[in-house]
C-alpha atoms as a PDB file:
ATOM      1  CA  UNK A   1     161.236 -39.932  37.821  1.00  0.00           C
ATOM      2  CA  UNK A   2     164.414 -41.249  39.389  1.00  0.00           C
ATOM      3  CA  UNK A   3     166.180 -44.530  39.840  1.00  0.00           C
ATOM      4  CA  UNK A   4     168.060 -44.184  43.085  1.00  0.00           C
ATOM      5  CA  UNK A   5     171.269 -46.010  43.857  1.00  0.00           C
ATOM      6  CA  UNK A   6     171.979 -43.781  46.847  1.00  0.00           C
ATOM      7  CA  UNK A   7     169.989 -43.210  50.001  1.00  0.00           C
ATOM      8  CA  UNK A   8     168.864 -39.698  50.854  1.00  0.00           C
ATOM      9  CA  UNK A   9     167.297 -38.382  54.004  1.00  0.00           C
ATOM     10  CA  UNK A  10     164.048 -37.088  52.526  1.00  0.00           C
ATOM     11  CA  UNK A  11     164.193 -34.139  54.944  1.00  0.00           C
ATOM     12  CA  UNK A  12     167.614 -33.008  53.660  1.00  0.00           C
ATOM     13  CA  UNK A  13     166.950 -33.644  49.971  1.00  0.00           C
ATOM     14  CA  UNK A  14     168.336 -30.735  47.885  1.00  0.00           C
ATOM     15  CA  UNK A  15     164.946 -29.214  47.122  1.00  0.00           C
ATOM     16  CA  UNK A  16     162.647 -26.648  48.662  1.00  0.00           C
ATOM     17  CA  UNK A  17     159.764 -29.082  48.134  1.00  0.00           C
ATOM     18  CA  UNK A  18     160.373 -32.369  49.958  1.00  0.00           C
ATOM     19  CA  UNK A  19     157.893 -34.090  47.674  1.00  0.00           C
ATOM     20  CA  UNK A  20     159.292 -32.815  44.368  1.00  0.00           C
ATOM     21  CA  UNK A  21     159.803 -36.344  42.989  1.00  0.00           C
ATOM     22  CA  UNK A  22     156.849 -37.969  41.236  1.00  0.00           C
ATOM     23  CA  UNK A  23     158.122 -41.545  41.173  1.00  0.00           C
ATOM     24  CA  UNK A  24     161.316 -42.975  42.649  1.00  0.00           C
ATOM     25  CA  UNK A  25     162.662 -46.480  41.985  1.00  0.00           C
ATOM     26  CA  UNK A  26     164.861 -48.099  44.619  1.00  0.00           C
ATOM     27  CA  UNK A  27     167.016 -51.206  44.351  1.00  0.00           C
ATOM     28  CA  UNK A  28     168.686 -53.329  47.051  1.00  0.00           C
ATOM     29  CA  UNK A  29     165.789 -52.569  49.384  1.00  0.00           C
ATOM     30  CA  UNK A  30     166.109 -54.329  52.752  1.00  0.00           C
ATOM     31  CA  UNK A  31     163.128 -52.870  54.626  1.00  0.00           C
ATOM     32  CA  UNK A  32     159.478 -53.883  54.710  1.00  0.00           C
ATOM     33  CA  UNK A  33     158.204 -50.497  55.844  1.00  0.00           C
ATOM     34  CA  UNK A  34     159.594 -47.005  56.393  1.00  0.00           C
ATOM     35  CA  UNK A  35     157.519 -44.456  58.288  1.00  0.00           C
ATOM     36  CA  UNK A  36     159.584 -41.470  57.088  1.00  0.00           C
ATOM     37  CA  UNK A  37     159.128 -42.368  53.405  1.00  0.00           C
ATOM     38  CA  UNK A  38     155.479 -43.261  53.902  1.00  0.00           C
ATOM     39  CA  UNK A  39     154.711 -39.739  55.140  1.00  0.00           C
ATOM     40  CA  UNK A  40     155.750 -38.397  51.703  1.00  0.00           C
ATOM     41  CA  UNK A  41     154.975 -41.232  49.266  1.00  0.00           C
ATOM     42  CA  UNK A  42     152.846 -44.284  48.672  1.00  0.00           C
ATOM     43  CA  UNK A  43     155.352 -47.131  48.983  1.00  0.00           C
ATOM     44  CA  UNK A  44     155.201 -50.297  46.900  1.00  0.00           C
ATOM     45  CA  UNK A  45     157.785 -52.789  48.164  1.00  0.00           C
ATOM     46  CA  UNK A  46     159.024 -56.156  46.919  1.00  0.00           C
ATOM     47  CA  UNK A  47     161.739 -57.345  49.300  1.00  0.00           C
ATOM     48  CA  UNK A  48     161.652 -61.081  48.587  1.00  0.00           C
ATOM     49  CA  UNK A  49     163.107 -63.692  50.917  1.00  0.00           C
ATOM     50  CA  UNK A  50     166.703 -62.426  50.927  1.00  0.00           C
ATOM     51  CA  UNK A  51     165.681 -58.842  51.774  1.00  0.00           C
ATOM     52  CA  UNK A  52     167.407 -57.373  48.721  1.00  0.00           C
ATOM     53  CA  UNK A  53     164.496 -56.125  46.746  1.00  0.00           C
ATOM     54  CA  UNK A  54     162.954 -53.377  44.701  1.00  0.00           C
ATOM     55  CA  UNK A  55     160.516 -50.604  45.515  1.00  0.00           C
ATOM     56  CA  UNK A  56     158.582 -47.701  44.057  1.00  0.00           C
ATOM     57  CA  UNK A  57     157.871 -44.497  45.935  1.00  0.00           C
ATOM     58  CA  UNK A  58     154.962 -42.714  44.255  1.00  0.00           C
ATOM     59  CA  UNK A  59     153.705 -39.213  45.054  1.00  0.00           C
ATOM     60  CA  UNK A  60     150.408 -39.544  46.913  1.00  0.00           C
ATOM     61  CA  UNK A  61     148.246 -37.830  44.273  1.00  0.00           C
ATOM     62  CA  UNK A  62     149.425 -40.139  41.454  1.00  0.00           C
ATOM     63  CA  UNK A  63     147.109 -43.095  40.860  1.00  0.00           C
ATOM     64  CA  UNK A  64     148.767 -46.496  40.504  1.00  0.00           C
ATOM     65  CA  UNK A  65     146.280 -48.796  38.795  1.00  0.00           C
ATOM     66  CA  UNK A  66     148.213 -52.066  38.944  1.00  0.00           C
ATOM     67  CA  UNK A  67     151.142 -53.573  40.863  1.00  0.00           C
ATOM     68  CA  UNK A  68     152.942 -56.838  40.006  1.00  0.00           C
ATOM     69  CA  UNK A  69     156.100 -58.272  41.503  1.00  0.00           C
ATOM     70  CA  UNK A  70     158.215 -61.341  40.995  1.00  0.00           C
ATOM     71  CA  UNK A  71     158.662 -63.581  44.065  1.00  0.00           C
ATOM     72  CA  UNK A  72     162.390 -63.054  44.742  1.00  0.00           C
ATOM     73  CA  UNK A  73     162.186 -59.266  45.140  1.00  0.00           C
ATOM     74  CA  UNK A  74     164.189 -58.613  41.987  1.00  0.00           C
ATOM     75  CA  UNK A  75     161.441 -56.874  40.007  1.00  0.00           C
ATOM     76  CA  UNK A  76     158.419 -54.712  40.701  1.00  0.00           C
ATOM     77  CA  UNK A  77     156.048 -53.373  38.041  1.00  0.00           C
ATOM     78  CA  UNK A  78     153.479 -50.598  38.346  1.00  0.00           C
ATOM     79  CA  UNK A  79     151.033 -49.043  35.913  1.00  0.00           C
ATOM     80  CA  UNK A  80     150.439 -45.289  36.022  1.00  0.00           C
ATOM     81  CA  UNK A  81     147.938 -44.102  33.433  1.00  0.00           C
ATOM     82  CA  UNK A  82     149.042 -45.592  30.112  1.00  0.00           C
ATOM     83  CA  UNK A  83     152.648 -46.033  31.287  1.00  0.00           C
ATOM     84  CA  UNK A  84     154.141 -49.247  32.680  1.00  0.00           C
ATOM     85  CA  UNK A  85     157.224 -48.875  34.886  1.00  0.00           C
ATOM     86  CA  UNK A  86     159.445 -51.831  35.723  1.00  0.00           C
ATOM     87  CA  UNK A  87     162.147 -51.515  38.371  1.00  0.00           C
ATOM     88  CA  UNK A  88     164.792 -54.270  38.372  1.00  0.00           C
ATOM     89  CA  UNK A  89     167.647 -55.436  40.560  1.00  0.00           C
ATOM     90  CA  UNK A  90     169.448 -58.164  38.620  1.00  0.00           C
ATOM     91  CA  UNK A  91     171.630 -60.769  40.351  1.00  0.00           C
ATOM     92  CA  UNK A  92     175.281 -59.736  40.580  1.00  0.00           C
ATOM     93  CA  UNK A  93     178.824 -61.061  40.531  1.00  0.00           C
ATOM     94  CA  UNK A  94     180.207 -64.191  38.872  1.00  0.00           C
ATOM     95  CA  UNK A  95     178.285 -66.574  41.136  1.00  0.00           C
ATOM     96  CA  UNK A  96     175.024 -64.948  40.028  1.00  0.00           C
ATOM     97  CA  UNK A  97     175.812 -65.092  36.283  1.00  0.00           C
ATOM     98  CA  UNK A  98     173.451 -67.978  35.455  1.00  0.00           C
ATOM     99  CA  UNK A  99     170.696 -66.563  37.670  1.00  0.00           C
ATOM    100  CA  UNK A 100     171.156 -63.136  36.019  1.00  0.00           C
ATOM    101  CA  UNK A 101     171.036 -64.691  32.563  1.00  0.00           C
ATOM    102  CA  UNK A 102     167.726 -66.435  33.355  1.00  0.00           C
ATOM    103  CA  UNK A 103     166.381 -63.227  34.916  1.00  0.00           C
ATOM    104  CA  UNK A 104     167.209 -61.141  31.815  1.00  0.00           C
ATOM    105  CA  UNK A 105     166.148 -63.799  29.278  1.00  0.00           C
ATOM    106  CA  UNK A 106     162.901 -64.939  30.905  1.00  0.00           C
ATOM    107  CA  UNK A 107     161.694 -62.902  33.868  1.00  0.00           C
ATOM    108  CA  UNK A 108     162.084 -59.348  32.551  1.00  0.00           C
ATOM    109  CA  UNK A 109     160.506 -60.054  29.113  1.00  0.00           C
ATOM    110  CA  UNK A 110     157.569 -61.833  30.790  1.00  0.00           C
ATOM    111  CA  UNK A 111     156.744 -58.667  32.754  1.00  0.00           C
ATOM    112  CA  UNK A 112     157.591 -56.234  29.929  1.00  0.00           C
ATOM    113  CA  UNK A 113     154.811 -56.933  27.436  1.00  0.00           C
ATOM    114  CA  UNK A 114     153.209 -54.987  25.831  1.00  0.00           C
ATOM    115  CA  UNK A 115     156.441 -53.097  25.188  1.00  0.00           C
ATOM    116  CA  UNK A 116     155.102 -49.907  23.527  1.00  0.00           C
ATOM    117  CA  UNK A 117     154.558 -47.946  26.738  1.00  0.00           C
ATOM    118  CA  UNK A 118     157.074 -49.563  29.092  1.00  0.00           C
ATOM    119  CA  UNK A 119     160.076 -48.089  30.894  1.00  0.00           C
ATOM    120  CA  UNK A 120     162.485 -50.621  32.424  1.00  0.00           C
ATOM    121  CA  UNK A 121     165.130 -49.271  34.751  1.00  0.00           C
ATOM    122  CA  UNK A 122     167.322 -50.179  37.683  1.00  0.00           C
ATOM    123  CA  UNK A 123     170.487 -52.071  38.479  1.00  0.00           C
ATOM    124  CA  UNK A 124     171.235 -54.623  35.754  1.00  0.00           C
ATOM    125  CA  UNK A 125     174.684 -55.607  37.093  1.00  0.00           C
ATOM    126  CA  UNK A 126     175.938 -56.196  33.559  1.00  0.00           C
ATOM    127  CA  UNK A 127     176.943 -54.354  30.411  1.00  0.00           C
ATOM    128  CA  UNK A 128     175.950 -54.693  26.760  1.00  0.00           C
ATOM    129  CA  UNK A 129     178.740 -52.564  25.306  1.00  0.00           C
ATOM    130  CA  UNK A 130     182.500 -52.439  25.958  1.00  0.00           C
ATOM    131  CA  UNK A 131     182.253 -48.637  26.272  1.00  0.00           C
ATOM    132  CA  UNK A 132     180.235 -49.210  29.463  1.00  0.00           C
ATOM    133  CA  UNK A 133     183.143 -50.927  31.195  1.00  0.00           C
ATOM    134  CA  UNK A 134     186.606 -49.562  31.915  1.00  0.00           C
ATOM    135  CA  UNK A 135     189.501 -51.004  29.964  1.00  0.00           C
ATOM    136  CA  UNK A 136     191.335 -52.214  33.082  1.00  0.00           C
ATOM    137  CA  UNK A 137     189.720 -55.652  32.944  1.00  0.00           C
ATOM    138  CA  UNK A 138     191.907 -58.524  31.739  1.00  0.00           C
ATOM    139  CA  UNK A 139     188.875 -60.567  30.624  1.00  0.00           C
ATOM    140  CA  UNK A 140     188.378 -61.040  26.871  1.00  0.00           C
ATOM    141  CA  UNK A 141     185.824 -58.702  25.289  1.00  0.00           C
ATOM    142  CA  UNK A 142     183.301 -61.503  24.811  1.00  0.00           C
ATOM    143  CA  UNK A 143     183.309 -62.222  28.564  1.00  0.00           C
ATOM    144  CA  UNK A 144     182.869 -58.561  29.514  1.00  0.00           C
ATOM    145  CA  UNK A 145     179.607 -58.183  27.587  1.00  0.00           C
ATOM    146  CA  UNK A 146     176.484 -59.882  28.931  1.00  0.00           C
ATOM    147  CA  UNK A 147     174.811 -61.653  26.007  1.00  0.00           C
ATOM    148  CA  UNK A 148     171.567 -61.989  27.988  1.00  0.00           C
ATOM    149  CA  UNK A 149     171.349 -58.185  28.295  1.00  0.00           C
ATOM    150  CA  UNK A 150     172.166 -57.752  24.601  1.00  0.00           C
ATOM    151  CA  UNK A 151     169.425 -60.270  23.729  1.00  0.00           C
ATOM    152  CA  UNK A 152     166.891 -58.592  26.054  1.00  0.00           C
ATOM    153  CA  UNK A 153     167.441 -55.201  24.411  1.00  0.00           C
ATOM    154  CA  UNK A 154     167.244 -56.701  20.894  1.00  0.00           C
ATOM    155  CA  UNK A 155     164.287 -59.051  21.420  1.00  0.00           C
ATOM    156  CA  UNK A 156     162.140 -56.461  23.208  1.00  0.00           C
ATOM    157  CA  UNK A 157     163.267 -53.706  20.798  1.00  0.00           C
ATOM    158  CA  UNK A 158     164.444 -51.478  23.620  1.00  0.00           C
ATOM    159  CA  UNK A 159     166.372 -48.232  23.494  1.00  0.00           C
ATOM    160  CA  UNK A 160     168.942 -47.230  26.109  1.00  0.00           C
ATOM    161  CA  UNK A 161     167.823 -43.710  27.033  1.00  0.00           C
ATOM    162  CA  UNK A 162     171.277 -42.769  28.362  1.00  0.00           C
ATOM    163  CA  UNK A 163     172.909 -43.642  25.026  1.00  0.00           C
ATOM    164  CA  UNK A 164     170.144 -41.903  23.089  1.00  0.00           C
ATOM    165  CA  UNK A 165     170.556 -38.629  24.993  1.00  0.00           C
ATOM    166  CA  UNK A 166     174.237 -38.776  25.991  1.00  0.00           C
ATOM    167  CA  UNK A 167     175.822 -40.619  23.073  1.00  0.00           C
ATOM    168  CA  UNK A 168     179.202 -42.045  23.987  1.00  0.00           C
ATOM    169  CA  UNK A 169     179.402 -40.373  27.412  1.00  0.00           C
ATOM    170  CA  UNK A 170     180.353 -43.165  29.796  1.00  0.00           C
ATOM    171  CA  UNK A 171     178.401 -42.264  32.953  1.00  0.00           C
ATOM    172  CA  UNK A 172     179.773 -45.140  35.013  1.00  0.00           C
ATOM    173  CA  UNK A 173     177.641 -46.038  38.035  1.00  0.00           C
ATOM    174  CA  UNK A 174     179.810 -48.708  39.704  1.00  0.00           C
ATOM    175  CA  UNK A 175     183.415 -47.978  40.641  1.00  0.00           C
ATOM    176  CA  UNK A 176     185.825 -50.391  42.336  1.00  0.00           C
ATOM    177  CA  UNK A 177     189.585 -50.876  42.699  1.00  0.00           C
ATOM    178  CA  UNK A 178     189.932 -52.713  39.362  1.00  0.00           C
ATOM    179  CA  UNK A 179     187.849 -50.357  37.251  1.00  0.00           C
ATOM    180  CA  UNK A 180     184.352 -49.066  36.686  1.00  0.00           C
ATOM    181  CA  UNK A 181     181.254 -49.771  34.647  1.00  0.00           C
ATOM    182  CA  UNK A 182     177.719 -48.564  33.932  1.00  0.00           C
ATOM    183  CA  UNK A 183     175.453 -51.193  35.458  1.00  0.00           C
ATOM    184  CA  UNK A 184     172.380 -48.971  35.939  1.00  0.00           C
ATOM    185  CA  UNK A 185     170.088 -48.771  32.915  1.00  0.00           C
ATOM    186  CA  UNK A 186     167.058 -46.823  31.756  1.00  0.00           C
ATOM    187  CA  UNK A 187     165.385 -48.581  28.822  1.00  0.00           C
ATOM    188  CA  UNK A 188     162.193 -47.977  26.855  1.00  0.00           C
ATOM    189  CA  UNK A 189     160.526 -49.415  23.757  1.00  0.00           C
ATOM    190  CA  UNK A 190     161.963 -48.290  20.421  1.00  0.00           C
ATOM    191  CA  UNK A 191     158.525 -47.153  19.234  1.00  0.00           C
ATOM    192  CA  UNK A 192     157.575 -45.634  22.581  1.00  0.00           C
ATOM    193  CA  UNK A 193     155.694 -42.313  22.447  1.00  0.00           C
ATOM    194  CA  UNK A 194     157.486 -41.162  25.622  1.00  0.00           C
ATOM    195  CA  UNK A 195     159.646 -38.094  25.020  1.00  0.00           C
ATOM    196  CA  UNK A 196     162.603 -38.074  27.411  1.00  0.00           C
ATOM    197  CA  UNK A 197     164.147 -34.649  27.968  1.00  0.00           C
ATOM    198  CA  UNK A 198     167.060 -35.509  30.255  1.00  0.00           C
ATOM    199  CA  UNK A 199     168.590 -38.325  32.274  1.00  0.00           C
END
């Protein structure tokens, strides 16, 4: 399973088997169909009105029993067997702070229950720990941590799989001229039976 923040040409993917991925989650999706992808995967798209959405690419022999999506394209949820996968693309930047807070406090939890067999991943555009953001920021510590993300993780009893498997390794996923941060997340329920090997 992969959460992709980069675009690959499926024909030049570094694998001898072009269909070696089971499930791929995409964020910032701006297309409503893609013939190349659809020859390799079943595509479940949620582009919303602003054409910045989320999508799942699922290997053709994997049965998806249920698909839900929120209207703005920012979240898509699928059920595969006993596993629920939620792919998110949270609002970004300072102007989207209130919208992101509402998204993390209300929208994501509404789609996440029951939490025992859920995996929530994607681009959260915020951090819950100072170690996830470079020290170059002049903002006070309290402003650099997104309380809505902290509350989401606590209230839904989620575990950050990266932190569980990689400890304090930073793994920043967004780099800009003033610093870097880890805005991509891979979360699962604390009591989840899923055994993650690597990330």
